[in-house]
Amino acid sequence: MSDPRIRTLKIKTGVVKRLAKEKITYEKEAAQQRDRIQKLKDQGKDEYDIRKQEEVLQESLMMVPDCQRRLVKAFEELKKILESEQDLKEVEAYVEAEKVIVDAQLQLPQQGEAPQTC
């Protein structure tokens, strides 16, 4: 029978991976929306259309801090599991979790830095 710790490790790894990807996606979406708004302004489009697009931008920007908060929490949980389950170091799921931790760390706010809003 499979070790339940490995199953937990795989689940937590997947959560961290998904949240890091989600944060990147929201940031890209916000950048694209900014470009779209600028194009509309440059083309002299209707003010109503521009305001609606700015609302869409704000919705994307609101998602980034929420996603960041959830990522920090999931990151810390996975890190604690890795620290407490050192005996699993040779298991593939543990190695994968270590890689995900390194990749996800790039998406975390730096010490003293406020959560990013793009």
PDB file of N, CA and C in Angstrom:
ATOM      1  N   MET A   1       0.832  -1.189   0.000  1.00  0.00           N
ATOM      2  CA  MET A   1       0.000   0.000   0.000  1.00  0.00           C
ATOM      3  C   MET A   1       0.874   1.249   0.000  1.00  0.00           C
ATOM      4  N   SER A   2       0.434   2.262  -0.673  1.00  0.00           N
ATOM      5  CA  SER A   2       1.189   3.491  -0.820  1.00  0.00           C
ATOM      6  C   SER A   2       1.197   4.312   0.480  1.00  0.00           C
ATOM      7  N   ASP A   3       2.298   4.977   0.711  1.00  0.00           N
ATOM      8  CA  ASP A   3       2.455   5.824   1.893  1.00  0.00           C
ATOM      9  C   ASP A   3       1.548   7.056   1.760  1.00  0.00           C
ATOM     10  N   PRO A   4       0.684   7.332   2.727  1.00  0.00           N
ATOM     11  CA  PRO A   4      -0.211   8.493   2.639  1.00  0.00           C
ATOM     12  C   PRO A   4       0.550   9.819   2.621  1.00  0.00           C
ATOM     13  N   ARG A   5       1.769   9.803   3.139  1.00  0.00           N
ATOM     14  CA  ARG A   5       2.579  11.030   3.116  1.00  0.00           C
ATOM     15  C   ARG A   5       2.936  11.405   1.679  1.00  0.00           C
ATOM     16  N   ILE A   6       3.162  10.416   0.852  1.00  0.00           N
ATOM     17  CA  ILE A   6       3.500  10.676  -0.554  1.00  0.00           C
ATOM     18  C   ILE A   6       2.291  11.271  -1.269  1.00  0.00           C
ATOM     19  N   ARG A   7       1.118  10.737  -0.985  1.00  0.00           N
ATOM     20  CA  ARG A   7      -0.106  11.271  -1.586  1.00  0.00           C
ATOM     21  C   ARG A   7      -0.304  12.737  -1.190  1.00  0.00           C
ATOM     22  N   THR A   8      -0.123  13.038   0.096  1.00  0.00           N
ATOM     23  CA  THR A   8      -0.247  14.413   0.588  1.00  0.00           C
ATOM     24  C   THR A   8       0.789  15.308  -0.084  1.00  0.00           C
ATOM     25  N   LEU A   9       1.994  14.810  -0.212  1.00  0.00           N
ATOM     26  CA  LEU A   9       3.070  15.566  -0.848  1.00  0.00           C
ATOM     27  C   LEU A   9       2.720  15.892  -2.301  1.00  0.00           C
ATOM     28  N   LYS A  10       2.177  14.924  -3.015  1.00  0.00           N
ATOM     29  CA  LYS A  10       1.783  15.144  -4.415  1.00  0.00           C
ATOM     30  C   LYS A  10       0.670  16.184  -4.513  1.00  0.00           C
ATOM     31  N   ILE A  11      -0.301  16.103  -3.618  1.00  0.00           N
ATOM     32  CA  ILE A  11      -1.417  17.056  -3.642  1.00  0.00           C
ATOM     33  C   ILE A  11      -0.913  18.469  -3.366  1.00  0.00           C
ATOM     34  N   LYS A  12      -0.124  18.624  -2.316  1.00  0.00           N
ATOM     35  CA  LYS A  12       0.394  19.957  -1.953  1.00  0.00           C
ATOM     36  C   LYS A  12       1.297  20.511  -3.052  1.00  0.00           C
ATOM     37  N   THR A  13       2.058  19.654  -3.692  1.00  0.00           N
ATOM     38  CA  THR A  13       2.920  20.073  -4.799  1.00  0.00           C
ATOM     39  C   THR A  13       2.062  20.601  -5.954  1.00  0.00           C
ATOM     40  N   GLY A  14       0.998  19.878  -6.264  1.00  0.00           N
ATOM     41  CA  GLY A  14       0.090  20.306  -7.330  1.00  0.00           C
ATOM     42  C   GLY A  14      -0.569  21.648  -7.033  1.00  0.00           C
ATOM     43  N   VAL A  15      -0.931  21.855  -5.782  1.00  0.00           N
ATOM     44  CA  VAL A  15      -1.562  23.122  -5.391  1.00  0.00           C
ATOM     45  C   VAL A  15      -0.589  24.277  -5.590  1.00  0.00           C
ATOM     46  N   VAL A  16       0.634  24.113  -5.126  1.00  0.00           N
ATOM     47  CA  VAL A  16       1.631  25.183  -5.269  1.00  0.00           C
ATOM     48  C   VAL A  16       1.896  25.463  -6.743  1.00  0.00           C
ATOM     49  N   LYS A  17       2.039  24.412  -7.525  1.00  0.00           N
ATOM     50  CA  LYS A  17       2.306  24.564  -8.960  1.00  0.00           C
ATOM     51  C   LYS A  17       1.162  25.318  -9.647  1.00  0.00           C
ATOM     52  N   ARG A  18      -0.082  24.936  -9.321  1.00  0.00           N
ATOM     53  CA  ARG A  18      -1.259  25.571  -9.936  1.00  0.00           C
ATOM     54  C   ARG A  18      -1.374  27.041  -9.539  1.00  0.00           C
ATOM     55  N   LEU A  19      -1.149  27.346  -8.260  1.00  0.00           N
ATOM     56  CA  LEU A  19      -1.275  28.736  -7.806  1.00  0.00           C
ATOM     57  C   LEU A  19      -0.187  29.633  -8.397  1.00  0.00           C
ATOM     58  N   ALA A  20       1.022  29.109  -8.543  1.00  0.00           N
ATOM     59  CA  ALA A  20       2.097  29.896  -9.155  1.00  0.00           C
ATOM     60  C   ALA A  20       1.746  30.199 -10.612  1.00  0.00           C
ATOM     61  N   LYS A  21       1.226  29.198 -11.304  1.00  0.00           N
ATOM     62  CA  LYS A  21       0.819  29.374 -12.701  1.00  0.00           C
ATOM     63  C   LYS A  21      -0.345  30.365 -12.808  1.00  0.00           C
ATOM     64  N   GLU A  22      -1.292  30.249 -11.879  1.00  0.00           N
ATOM     65  CA  GLU A  22      -2.456  31.138 -11.863  1.00  0.00           C
ATOM     66  C   GLU A  22      -2.025  32.599 -11.678  1.00  0.00           C
ATOM     67  N   LYS A  23      -1.095  32.832 -10.780  1.00  0.00           N
ATOM     68  CA  LYS A  23      -0.613  34.196 -10.518  1.00  0.00           C
ATOM     69  C   LYS A  23       0.027  34.779 -11.776  1.00  0.00           C
ATOM     70  N   ILE A  24       0.839  33.988 -12.435  1.00  0.00           N
ATOM     71  CA  ILE A  24       1.481  34.444 -13.674  1.00  0.00           C
ATOM     72  C   ILE A  24       0.422  34.780 -14.720  1.00  0.00           C
ATOM     73  N   THR A  25      -0.588  33.943 -14.818  1.00  0.00           N
ATOM     74  CA  THR A  25      -1.655  34.152 -15.795  1.00  0.00           C
ATOM     75  C   THR A  25      -2.398  35.463 -15.538  1.00  0.00           C
ATOM     76  N   TYR A  26      -2.742  35.723 -14.280  1.00  0.00           N
ATOM     77  CA  TYR A  26      -3.440  36.969 -13.950  1.00  0.00           C
ATOM     78  C   TYR A  26      -2.575  38.191 -14.246  1.00  0.00           C
ATOM     79  N   GLU A  27      -1.283  38.086 -13.989  1.00  0.00           N
ATOM     80  CA  GLU A  27      -0.381  39.208 -14.280  1.00  0.00           C
ATOM     81  C   GLU A  27      -0.291  39.461 -15.777  1.00  0.00           C
ATOM     82  N   LYS A  28      -0.203  38.394 -16.567  1.00  0.00           N
ATOM     83  CA  LYS A  28      -0.164  38.542 -18.026  1.00  0.00           C
ATOM     84  C   LYS A  28      -1.470  39.139 -18.541  1.00  0.00           C
ATOM     85  N   GLU A  29      -2.581  38.656 -17.991  1.00  0.00           N
ATOM     86  CA  GLU A  29      -3.895  39.154 -18.389  1.00  0.00           C
ATOM     87  C   GLU A  29      -4.012  40.660 -18.112  1.00  0.00           C
ATOM     88  N   ALA A  30      -3.515  41.080 -16.965  1.00  0.00           N
ATOM     89  CA  ALA A  30      -3.565  42.502 -16.612  1.00  0.00           C
ATOM     90  C   ALA A  30      -2.707  43.327 -17.569  1.00  0.00           C
ATOM     91  N   ALA A  31      -1.542  42.820 -17.915  1.00  0.00           N
ATOM     92  CA  ALA A  31      -0.668  43.536 -18.851  1.00  0.00           C
ATOM     93  C   ALA A  31      -1.328  43.653 -20.227  1.00  0.00           C
ATOM     94  N   GLN A  32      -1.965  42.576 -20.688  1.00  0.00           N
ATOM     95  CA  GLN A  32      -2.657  42.612 -21.981  1.00  0.00           C
ATOM     96  C   GLN A  32      -3.826  43.589 -21.937  1.00  0.00           C
ATOM     97  N   GLN A  33      -4.521  43.623 -20.815  1.00  0.00           N
ATOM     98  CA  GLN A  33      -5.656  44.523 -20.677  1.00  0.00           C
ATOM     99  C   GLN A  33      -5.192  45.977 -20.702  1.00  0.00           C
ATOM    100  N   ARG A  34      -4.059  46.252 -20.067  1.00  0.00           N
ATOM    101  CA  ARG A  34      -3.499  47.619 -20.100  1.00  0.00           C
ATOM    102  C   ARG A  34      -3.201  48.033 -21.544  1.00  0.00           C
ATOM    103  N   ASP A  35      -2.607  47.111 -22.296  1.00  0.00           N
ATOM    104  CA  ASP A  35      -2.301  47.397 -23.705  1.00  0.00           C
ATOM    105  C   ASP A  35      -3.581  47.659 -24.494  1.00  0.00           C
ATOM    106  N   ARG A  36      -4.599  46.856 -24.242  1.00  0.00           N
ATOM    107  CA  ARG A  36      -5.879  47.007 -24.927  1.00  0.00           C
ATOM    108  C   ARG A  36      -6.497  48.382 -24.617  1.00  0.00           C
ATOM    109  N   ILE A  37      -6.434  48.782 -23.366  1.00  0.00           N
ATOM    110  CA  ILE A  37      -6.979  50.086 -22.963  1.00  0.00           C
ATOM    111  C   ILE A  37      -6.212  51.212 -23.641  1.00  0.00           C
ATOM    112  N   GLN A  38      -4.901  51.069 -23.685  1.00  0.00           N
ATOM    113  CA  GLN A  38      -4.091  52.116 -24.324  1.00  0.00           C
ATOM    114  C   GLN A  38      -4.425  52.226 -25.808  1.00  0.00           C
ATOM    115  N   LYS A  39      -4.627  51.091 -26.459  1.00  0.00           N
ATOM    116  CA  LYS A  39      -5.006  51.096 -27.871  1.00  0.00           C
ATOM    117  C   LYS A  39      -6.335  51.809 -28.071  1.00  0.00           C
ATOM    118  N   LEU A  40      -7.294  51.505 -27.206  1.00  0.00           N
ATOM    119  CA  LEU A  40      -8.609  52.155 -27.308  1.00  0.00           C
ATOM    120  C   LEU A  40      -8.473  53.664 -27.144  1.00  0.00           C
ATOM    121  N   LYS A  41      -7.649  54.087 -26.209  1.00  0.00           N
ATOM    122  CA  LYS A  41      -7.436  55.523 -25.991  1.00  0.00           C
ATOM    123  C   LYS A  41      -6.763  56.156 -27.199  1.00  0.00           C
ATOM    124  N   ASP A  42      -5.756  55.476 -27.742  1.00  0.00           N
ATOM    125  CA  ASP A  42      -5.032  55.991 -28.910  1.00  0.00           C
ATOM    126  C   ASP A  42      -5.945  56.104 -30.125  1.00  0.00           C
ATOM    127  N   GLN A  43      -6.917  55.189 -30.228  1.00  0.00           N
ATOM    128  CA  GLN A  43      -7.845  55.201 -31.357  1.00  0.00           C
ATOM    129  C   GLN A  43      -9.015  56.151 -31.131  1.00  0.00           C
ATOM    130  N   GLY A  44      -9.051  56.772 -29.956  1.00  0.00           N
ATOM    131  CA  GLY A  44     -10.125  57.713 -29.659  1.00  0.00           C
ATOM    132  C   GLY A  44     -11.483  57.037 -29.519  1.00  0.00           C
ATOM    133  N   LYS A  45     -11.502  55.831 -29.010  1.00  0.00           N
ATOM    134  CA  LYS A  45     -12.759  55.093 -28.851  1.00  0.00           C
ATOM    135  C   LYS A  45     -13.635  55.731 -27.780  1.00  0.00           C
ATOM    136  N   ASP A  46     -14.874  55.277 -27.745  1.00  0.00           N
ATOM    137  CA  ASP A  46     -15.878  55.787 -26.814  1.00  0.00           C
ATOM    138  C   ASP A  46     -15.411  55.644 -25.362  1.00  0.00           C
ATOM    139  N   GLU A  47     -15.653  56.682 -24.569  1.00  0.00           N
ATOM    140  CA  GLU A  47     -15.243  56.702 -23.168  1.00  0.00           C
ATOM    141  C   GLU A  47     -15.891  55.570 -22.365  1.00  0.00           C
ATOM    142  N   TYR A  48     -17.113  55.212 -22.707  1.00  0.00           N
ATOM    143  CA  TYR A  48     -17.817  54.122 -22.032  1.00  0.00           C
ATOM    144  C   TYR A  48     -17.074  52.798 -22.223  1.00  0.00           C
ATOM    145  N   ASP A  49     -16.643  52.524 -23.449  1.00  0.00           N
ATOM    146  CA  ASP A  49     -15.904  51.291 -23.741  1.00  0.00           C
ATOM    147  C   ASP A  49     -14.594  51.246 -22.960  1.00  0.00           C
ATOM    148  N   ILE A  50     -13.937  52.381 -22.887  1.00  0.00           N
ATOM    149  CA  ILE A  50     -12.660  52.461 -22.164  1.00  0.00           C
ATOM    150  C   ILE A  50     -12.887  52.177 -20.674  1.00  0.00           C
ATOM    151  N   ARG A  51     -13.934  52.795 -20.111  1.00  0.00           N
ATOM    152  CA  ARG A  51     -14.236  52.575 -18.683  1.00  0.00           C
ATOM    153  C   ARG A  51     -14.542  51.101 -18.405  1.00  0.00           C
ATOM    154  N   LYS A  52     -15.291  50.473 -19.303  1.00  0.00           N
ATOM    155  CA  LYS A  52     -15.614  49.052 -19.120  1.00  0.00           C
ATOM    156  C   LYS A  52     -14.341  48.201 -19.146  1.00  0.00           C
ATOM    157  N   GLN A  53     -13.435  48.517 -20.046  1.00  0.00           N
ATOM    158  CA  GLN A  53     -12.181  47.769 -20.121  1.00  0.00           C
ATOM    159  C   GLN A  53     -11.326  48.019 -18.874  1.00  0.00           C
ATOM    160  N   GLU A  54     -11.401  49.226 -18.332  1.00  0.00           N
ATOM    161  CA  GLU A  54     -10.667  49.523 -17.095  1.00  0.00           C
ATOM    162  C   GLU A  54     -11.250  48.727 -15.923  1.00  0.00           C
ATOM    163  N   GLU A  55     -12.550  48.496 -15.934  1.00  0.00           N
ATOM    164  CA  GLU A  55     -13.172  47.661 -14.896  1.00  0.00           C
ATOM    165  C   GLU A  55     -12.663  46.225 -14.996  1.00  0.00           C
ATOM    166  N   VAL A  56     -12.528  45.740 -16.213  1.00  0.00           N
ATOM    167  CA  VAL A  56     -12.000  44.386 -16.418  1.00  0.00           C
ATOM    168  C   VAL A  56     -10.561  44.318 -15.892  1.00  0.00           C
ATOM    169  N   LEU A  57      -9.785  45.360 -16.149  1.00  0.00           N
ATOM    170  CA  LEU A  57      -8.407  45.420 -15.652  1.00  0.00           C
ATOM    171  C   LEU A  57      -8.388  45.363 -14.123  1.00  0.00           C
ATOM    172  N   GLN A  58      -9.256  46.124 -13.488  1.00  0.00           N
ATOM    173  CA  GLN A  58      -9.298  46.135 -12.022  1.00  0.00           C
ATOM    174  C   GLN A  58      -9.642  44.756 -11.454  1.00  0.00           C
ATOM    175  N   GLU A  59     -10.531  44.051 -12.133  1.00  0.00           N
ATOM    176  CA  GLU A  59     -10.882  42.698 -11.679  1.00  0.00           C
ATOM    177  C   GLU A  59      -9.658  41.780 -11.736  1.00  0.00           C
ATOM    178  N   SER A  60      -8.888  41.887 -12.800  1.00  0.00           N
ATOM    179  CA  SER A  60      -7.678  41.066 -12.916  1.00  0.00           C
ATOM    180  C   SER A  60      -6.668  41.446 -11.833  1.00  0.00           C
ATOM    181  N   LEU A  61      -6.528  42.747 -11.601  1.00  0.00           N
ATOM    182  CA  LEU A  61      -5.566  43.205 -10.598  1.00  0.00           C
ATOM    183  C   LEU A  61      -5.975  42.767  -9.188  1.00  0.00           C
ATOM    184  N   MET A  62      -7.267  42.678  -8.931  1.00  0.00           N
ATOM    185  CA  MET A  62      -7.732  42.248  -7.607  1.00  0.00           C
ATOM    186  C   MET A  62      -7.424  40.775  -7.376  1.00  0.00           C
ATOM    187  N   MET A  63      -7.328  40.006  -8.433  1.00  0.00           N
ATOM    188  CA  MET A  63      -7.068  38.581  -8.291  1.00  0.00           C
ATOM    189  C   MET A  63      -5.611  38.289  -7.928  1.00  0.00           C
ATOM    190  N   VAL A  64      -4.697  39.155  -8.312  1.00  0.00           N
ATOM    191  CA  VAL A  64      -3.273  38.902  -8.074  1.00  0.00           C
ATOM    192  C   VAL A  64      -2.956  38.807  -6.575  1.00  0.00           C
ATOM    193  N   PRO A  65      -3.349  39.780  -5.750  1.00  0.00           N
ATOM    194  CA  PRO A  65      -3.018  39.658  -4.317  1.00  0.00           C
ATOM    195  C   PRO A  65      -3.680  38.443  -3.657  1.00  0.00           C
ATOM    196  N   ASP A  66      -4.907  38.130  -4.062  1.00  0.00           N
ATOM    197  CA  ASP A  66      -5.591  36.962  -3.512  1.00  0.00           C
ATOM    198  C   ASP A  66      -4.825  35.690  -3.867  1.00  0.00           C
ATOM    199  N   CYS A  67      -4.439  35.599  -5.098  1.00  0.00           N
ATOM    200  CA  CYS A  67      -3.684  34.443  -5.572  1.00  0.00           C
ATOM    201  C   CYS A  67      -2.332  34.373  -4.844  1.00  0.00           C
ATOM    202  N   GLN A  68      -1.713  35.523  -4.671  1.00  0.00           N
ATOM    203  CA  GLN A  68      -0.424  35.600  -3.979  1.00  0.00           C
ATOM    204  C   GLN A  68      -0.565  35.106  -2.531  1.00  0.00           C
ATOM    205  N   ARG A  69      -1.617  35.515  -1.869  1.00  0.00           N
ATOM    206  CA  ARG A  69      -1.853  35.119  -0.476  1.00  0.00           C
ATOM    207  C   ARG A  69      -2.019  33.600  -0.381  1.00  0.00           C
ATOM    208  N   ARG A  70      -2.816  33.038  -1.286  1.00  0.00           N
ATOM    209  CA  ARG A  70      -3.027  31.587  -1.284  1.00  0.00           C
ATOM    210  C   ARG A  70      -1.742  30.839  -1.624  1.00  0.00           C
ATOM    211  N   LEU A  71      -0.939  31.408  -2.525  1.00  0.00           N
ATOM    212  CA  LEU A  71       0.331  30.783  -2.898  1.00  0.00           C
ATOM    213  C   LEU A  71       1.287  30.759  -1.711  1.00  0.00           C
ATOM    214  N   VAL A  72       1.379  31.853  -0.971  1.00  0.00           N
ATOM    215  CA  VAL A  72       2.268  31.915   0.194  1.00  0.00           C
ATOM    216  C   VAL A  72       1.877  30.844   1.204  1.00  0.00           C
ATOM    217  N   LYS A  73       0.588  30.708   1.452  1.00  0.00           N
ATOM    218  CA  LYS A  73       0.105  29.719   2.417  1.00  0.00           C
ATOM    219  C   LYS A  73       0.437  28.292   1.952  1.00  0.00           C
ATOM    220  N   ALA A  74       0.134  27.991   0.697  1.00  0.00           N
ATOM    221  CA  ALA A  74       0.401  26.649   0.158  1.00  0.00           C
ATOM    222  C   ALA A  74       1.904  26.367   0.118  1.00  0.00           C
ATOM    223  N   PHE A  75       2.683  27.376  -0.214  1.00  0.00           N
ATOM    224  CA  PHE A  75       4.145  27.256  -0.266  1.00  0.00           C
ATOM    225  C   PHE A  75       4.680  26.869   1.110  1.00  0.00           C
ATOM    226  N   GLU A  76       4.212  27.581   2.146  1.00  0.00           N
ATOM    227  CA  GLU A  76       4.675  27.301   3.511  1.00  0.00           C
ATOM    228  C   GLU A  76       4.280  25.892   3.949  1.00  0.00           C
ATOM    229  N   GLU A  77       3.071  25.467   3.603  1.00  0.00           N
ATOM    230  CA  GLU A  77       2.625  24.118   3.957  1.00  0.00           C
ATOM    231  C   GLU A  77       3.514  23.064   3.300  1.00  0.00           C
ATOM    232  N   LEU A  78       3.796  23.249   2.015  1.00  0.00           N
ATOM    233  CA  LEU A  78       4.635  22.284   1.298  1.00  0.00           C
ATOM    234  C   LEU A  78       6.052  22.278   1.865  1.00  0.00           C
ATOM    235  N   LYS A  79       6.553  23.448   2.191  1.00  0.00           N
ATOM    236  CA  LYS A  79       7.898  23.551   2.747  1.00  0.00           C
ATOM    237  C   LYS A  79       7.993  22.801   4.083  1.00  0.00           C
ATOM    238  N   LYS A  80       6.964  22.933   4.923  1.00  0.00           N
ATOM    239  CA  LYS A  80       6.952  22.225   6.217  1.00  0.00           C
ATOM    240  C   LYS A  80       6.929  20.710   6.005  1.00  0.00           C
ATOM    241  N   ILE A  81       6.151  20.281   5.019  1.00  0.00           N
ATOM    242  CA  ILE A  81       6.096  18.842   4.737  1.00  0.00           C
ATOM    243  C   ILE A  81       7.475  18.344   4.301  1.00  0.00           C
ATOM    244  N   LEU A  82       8.136  19.103   3.431  1.00  0.00           N
ATOM    245  CA  LEU A  82       9.464  18.697   2.969  1.00  0.00           C
ATOM    246  C   LEU A  82      10.452  18.636   4.137  1.00  0.00           C
ATOM    247  N   GLU A  83      10.348  19.590   5.057  1.00  0.00           N
ATOM    248  CA  GLU A  83      11.258  19.611   6.202  1.00  0.00           C
ATOM    249  C   GLU A  83      10.987  18.450   7.154  1.00  0.00           C
ATOM    250  N   SER A  84       9.720  18.101   7.322  1.00  0.00           N
ATOM    251  CA  SER A  84       9.384  17.053   8.291  1.00  0.00           C
ATOM    252  C   SER A  84       9.489  15.638   7.721  1.00  0.00           C
ATOM    253  N   GLU A  85       9.523  15.510   6.417  1.00  0.00           N
ATOM    254  CA  GLU A  85       9.560  14.180   5.791  1.00  0.00           C
ATOM    255  C   GLU A  85      10.879  13.941   5.048  1.00  0.00           C
ATOM    256  N   GLN A  86      11.980  14.241   5.708  1.00  0.00           N
ATOM    257  CA  GLN A  86      13.301  14.081   5.101  1.00  0.00           C
ATOM    258  C   GLN A  86      13.573  12.636   4.669  1.00  0.00           C
ATOM    259  N   ASP A  87      12.944  11.674   5.320  1.00  0.00           N
ATOM    260  CA  ASP A  87      13.182  10.266   4.985  1.00  0.00           C
ATOM    261  C   ASP A  87      12.641   9.894   3.605  1.00  0.00           C
ATOM    262  N   LEU A  88      11.845  10.774   2.995  1.00  0.00           N
ATOM    263  CA  LEU A  88      11.300  10.516   1.655  1.00  0.00           C
ATOM    264  C   LEU A  88      12.170  11.127   0.540  1.00  0.00           C
ATOM    265  N   LYS A  89      13.335  11.633   0.891  1.00  0.00           N
ATOM    266  CA  LYS A  89      14.191  12.348  -0.064  1.00  0.00           C
ATOM    267  C   LYS A  89      14.430  11.613  -1.381  1.00  0.00           C
ATOM    268  N   GLU A  90      14.451  10.314  -1.343  1.00  0.00           N
ATOM    269  CA  GLU A  90      14.738   9.530  -2.543  1.00  0.00           C
ATOM    270  C   GLU A  90      13.504   9.296  -3.410  1.00  0.00           C
ATOM    271  N   VAL A  91      12.331   9.616  -2.891  1.00  0.00           N
ATOM    272  CA  VAL A  91      11.074   9.383  -3.607  1.00  0.00           C
ATOM    273  C   VAL A  91      10.893  10.461  -4.682  1.00  0.00           C
ATOM    274  N   GLU A  92      10.400  10.044  -5.835  1.00  0.00           N
ATOM    275  CA  GLU A  92      10.211  10.965  -6.965  1.00  0.00           C
ATOM    276  C   GLU A  92       9.313  12.150  -6.610  1.00  0.00           C
ATOM    277  N   ALA A  93       8.264  11.911  -5.840  1.00  0.00           N
ATOM    278  CA  ALA A  93       7.340  12.984  -5.457  1.00  0.00           C
ATOM    279  C   ALA A  93       8.048  14.048  -4.617  1.00  0.00           C
ATOM    280  N   TYR A  94       8.986  13.642  -3.790  1.00  0.00           N
ATOM    281  CA  TYR A  94       9.749  14.577  -2.960  1.00  0.00           C
ATOM    282  C   TYR A  94      10.646  15.447  -3.835  1.00  0.00           C
ATOM    283  N   VAL A  95      11.322  14.815  -4.785  1.00  0.00           N
ATOM    284  CA  VAL A  95      12.210  15.537  -5.700  1.00  0.00           C
ATOM    285  C   VAL A  95      11.404  16.557  -6.514  1.00  0.00           C
ATOM    286  N   GLU A  96      10.237  16.135  -7.001  1.00  0.00           N
ATOM    287  CA  GLU A  96       9.358  17.032  -7.761  1.00  0.00           C
ATOM    288  C   GLU A  96       8.916  18.213  -6.895  1.00  0.00           C
ATOM    289  N   ALA A  97       8.570  17.938  -5.649  1.00  0.00           N
ATOM    290  CA  ALA A  97       8.143  18.988  -4.726  1.00  0.00           C
ATOM    291  C   ALA A  97       9.258  20.013  -4.505  1.00  0.00           C
ATOM    292  N   GLU A  98      10.487  19.533  -4.402  1.00  0.00           N
ATOM    293  CA  GLU A  98      11.621  20.452  -4.229  1.00  0.00           C
ATOM    294  C   GLU A  98      11.770  21.369  -5.442  1.00  0.00           C
ATOM    295  N   LYS A  99      11.600  20.825  -6.633  1.00  0.00           N
ATOM    296  CA  LYS A  99      11.689  21.639  -7.861  1.00  0.00           C
ATOM    297  C   LYS A  99      10.579  22.690  -7.887  1.00  0.00           C
ATOM    298  N   VAL A 100       9.376  22.280  -7.521  1.00  0.00           N
ATOM    299  CA  VAL A 100       8.231  23.198  -7.519  1.00  0.00           C
ATOM    300  C   VAL A 100       8.456  24.317  -6.509  1.00  0.00           C
ATOM    301  N   ILE A 101       9.021  23.985  -5.355  1.00  0.00           N
ATOM    302  CA  ILE A 101       9.318  25.000  -4.328  1.00  0.00           C
ATOM    303  C   ILE A 101      10.267  26.047  -4.886  1.00  0.00           C
ATOM    304  N   VAL A 102      11.302  25.609  -5.576  1.00  0.00           N
ATOM    305  CA  VAL A 102      12.281  26.543  -6.153  1.00  0.00           C
ATOM    306  C   VAL A 102      11.611  27.441  -7.197  1.00  0.00           C
ATOM    307  N   ASP A 103      10.809  26.851  -8.074  1.00  0.00           N
ATOM    308  CA  ASP A 103      10.122  27.632  -9.107  1.00  0.00           C
ATOM    309  C   ASP A 103       9.113  28.607  -8.510  1.00  0.00           C
ATOM    310  N   ALA A 104       8.357  28.140  -7.525  1.00  0.00           N
ATOM    311  CA  ALA A 104       7.312  28.976  -6.921  1.00  0.00           C
ATOM    312  C   ALA A 104       7.894  30.123  -6.109  1.00  0.00           C
ATOM    313  N   GLN A 105       9.088  29.942  -5.599  1.00  0.00           N
ATOM    314  CA  GLN A 105       9.710  30.982  -4.778  1.00  0.00           C
ATOM    315  C   GLN A 105       9.868  32.287  -5.562  1.00  0.00           C
ATOM    316  N   LEU A 106      10.021  32.182  -6.865  1.00  0.00           N
ATOM    317  CA  LEU A 106      10.147  33.375  -7.711  1.00  0.00           C
ATOM    318  C   LEU A 106       8.854  34.191  -7.726  1.00  0.00           C
ATOM    319  N   GLN A 107       7.724  33.551  -7.445  1.00  0.00           N
ATOM    320  CA  GLN A 107       6.429  34.231  -7.474  1.00  0.00           C
ATOM    321  C   GLN A 107       6.034  34.814  -6.115  1.00  0.00           C
ATOM    322  N   LEU A 108       6.817  34.536  -5.096  1.00  0.00           N
ATOM    323  CA  LEU A 108       6.503  35.039  -3.758  1.00  0.00           C
ATOM    324  C   LEU A 108       7.008  36.470  -3.593  1.00  0.00           C
ATOM    325  N   PRO A 109       6.334  37.268  -2.746  1.00  0.00           N
ATOM    326  CA  PRO A 109       6.827  38.634  -2.502  1.00  0.00           C
ATOM    327  C   PRO A 109       8.148  38.557  -1.737  1.00  0.00           C
ATOM    328  N   GLN A 110       9.034  39.474  -2.034  1.00  0.00           N
ATOM    329  CA  GLN A 110      10.314  39.526  -1.349  1.00  0.00           C
ATOM    330  C   GLN A 110      10.117  40.102   0.045  1.00  0.00           C
ATOM    331  N   GLN A 111      11.082  39.877   0.947  1.00  0.00           N
ATOM    332  CA  GLN A 111      10.988  40.405   2.304  1.00  0.00           C
ATOM    333  C   GLN A 111      10.723  41.907   2.266  1.00  0.00           C
ATOM    334  N   GLY A 112       9.737  42.352   3.002  1.00  0.00           N
ATOM    335  CA  GLY A 112       9.438  43.780   3.100  1.00  0.00           C
ATOM    336  C   GLY A 112       8.697  44.335   1.902  1.00  0.00           C
ATOM    337  N   GLU A 113       8.372  43.498   0.957  1.00  0.00           N
ATOM    338  CA  GLU A 113       7.690  43.945  -0.265  1.00  0.00           C
ATOM    339  C   GLU A 113       6.200  43.718  -0.119  1.00  0.00           C
ATOM    340  N   ALA A 114       5.431  44.690  -0.542  1.00  0.00           N
ATOM    341  CA  ALA A 114       3.986  44.520  -0.534  1.00  0.00           C
ATOM    342  C   ALA A 114       3.602  43.563  -1.666  1.00  0.00           C
ATOM    343  N   PRO A 115       2.481  42.872  -1.557  1.00  0.00           N
ATOM    344  CA  PRO A 115       2.045  41.996  -2.656  1.00  0.00           C
ATOM    345  C   PRO A 115       1.942  42.771  -3.958  1.00  0.00           C
ATOM    346  N   GLN A 116       2.358  42.134  -5.028  1.00  0.00           N
ATOM    347  CA  GLN A 116       2.378  42.778  -6.339  1.00  0.00           C
ATOM    348  C   GLN A 116       0.966  43.030  -6.870  1.00  0.00           C
ATOM    349  N   THR A 117       0.845  44.139  -7.567  1.00  0.00           N
ATOM    350  CA  THR A 117      -0.406  44.416  -8.279  1.00  0.00           C
ATOM    351  C   THR A 117      -0.093  44.673  -9.740  1.00  0.00           C
ATOM    352  N   CYS A 118       0.971  44.039 -10.213  1.00  0.00           N
ATOM    353  CA  CYS A 118       1.437  44.148 -11.614  1.00  0.00           C
ATOM    354  C   CYS A 118       2.047  45.479 -11.866  1.00  0.00           C
TER     355      CYS A 118
END
